[in-house]
Amino acid sequence: MASRYFITTLSLCVFVLAVWAQSSVALADEPTVTDARLGVHPDKTRFVIDVSNALDFTIFTLQDPYRVVIDLPEVTWQLEPGQELLGKGLIAGYRYGLFRPGNSRIVLDVTAPVSVESAKSMTPNGNRSYRLVIDLAETDREAFLENAGWPERRVSKQAAAEPPIPLRDPSKRDPNRKMRVILDPGHGGIDSGAVGVDGTFEKDIALETSKKIKEVIEATGRYDVFLTREDDRFLELKERVEIARNFGGDLFISIHADSLESKKVSGASVYTLSEEASDKEAEELAQKENRADLIAGIDLENETDTVTDILIELAQRETMNRSADFARVLTGNIREHTQLLRNPHRFAGFRVLKAPDIPSVLVELGYLSNQEDEALLTSEKWRKSMAEGIRDAVNQFFAGQTENDQQKSASHEP
């Protein structure tokens, strides 16, 4: 009996070791970026990354602002946090991360028009690993513009030809299905968003808080809740709107955390869409959030405004009214769970809030530039409390909207 037990145990150990070995080999085969550094020379600035494997890459430049974009296969990043903010020479700084599944990206912010003098992959030599070496030299704007632009259009003709999602009338929603809440964790992937005093990334705060809000709202059993992203990936602003509309969302809540030069400002706030900003701070925040696509290296050359015809404009006016209703309900409920800014409901032209048929708000949970706020935003206890306040607001909002819709239907009966 003992020998049988020993053999069984030995077999199990061999099996576990085999699985571990296979996993280790698989992990070893995944390309990993282990270091990145800048070098300044009299005639150029050099950017070098060390990688575990030889990698194919694509490099191109974009204007306004001047950027150099390096596309890689999906890789694992093992860089020391914060080093990307320390620019040298022609490179003011850089950002990196997952851009699309299977596609990682590095964006170099350059201080002037540049030419890519050299871009090559180097094989291991002595103690050096595989390297990607980019040499940039200063040039004039005219020469830069001649070579700037996308190597190819990323939007296929088939995708471009897809018909727009038809507008939905909220009053004609199927009463037998649950209301659908779309949570939109801001930023992600290559776009880290704001960076906290202690190095916390806004994209991580937004995702973890959104997951907690989803958990708390779903626990009521009254709603279907969806996230626009469930991991650390980049989404274009218009993609976030499209995802919400494809899910048939009845309410869209975009989750963010701000950062300011002043470390004293703290508190949460709620924003809704308006062509004219409520104040200078709201306008500046909208401009900053609307730059997310630009920061990640998205081609905006042929970008058009979603609101193009009178039917969409009329639908959006009603949606904006509903959004403002929810914002008022939301600020009233979360006031019991967190500190708010003075005049916490503000508005400006946020592109992510432009779904014409879904009430939409953007929630700034607090300021990562304020050490007390950063501590709260990373607290599991605070996230749960905040999620409960948002849940209560969702309950109150939908109860009021249902009552309004019933009154409208009754007023049209013969």
Foldseek 3Di string as FASTA:
>chain_A
DVVVVVVVVVVVVVVVVVVVVVVVVVVLPAKEWAEWDWDDDPFWIKIKIAIQDFWDWDWFWAVDPTKIKIKTFDHHYNYDPPPQCPDDDQFNGKFWFAADHGIIMIMTGGPAQKDFPDWDWDPDDDPGHIMTMTIIGHDHPVVSVVGHDDPDDPQDPVNVPDDDDDADDVLPDDPPDAAEEEEEQPFFTRGQADAFPVGHTFSVLSQVLSVLLQVVLVVVVRYHYYYLDNHGYGDQLVSLLVVCVVVVHQAYEYETAAADPDQPFKFKAKEAEDADWPDPVQAVVLVVSNCSCVSRPHDCPPPDQPPDDDVLVVLQVVLRVLLVVLRVLLCVQCVVQIGHDVVRYIYHHHSNNSNSHHRYMYMHGIYSSHVVSVVLSPDPVSSNSNSVSSSVSVVVSVVVVVVVSVVVVVVPDD
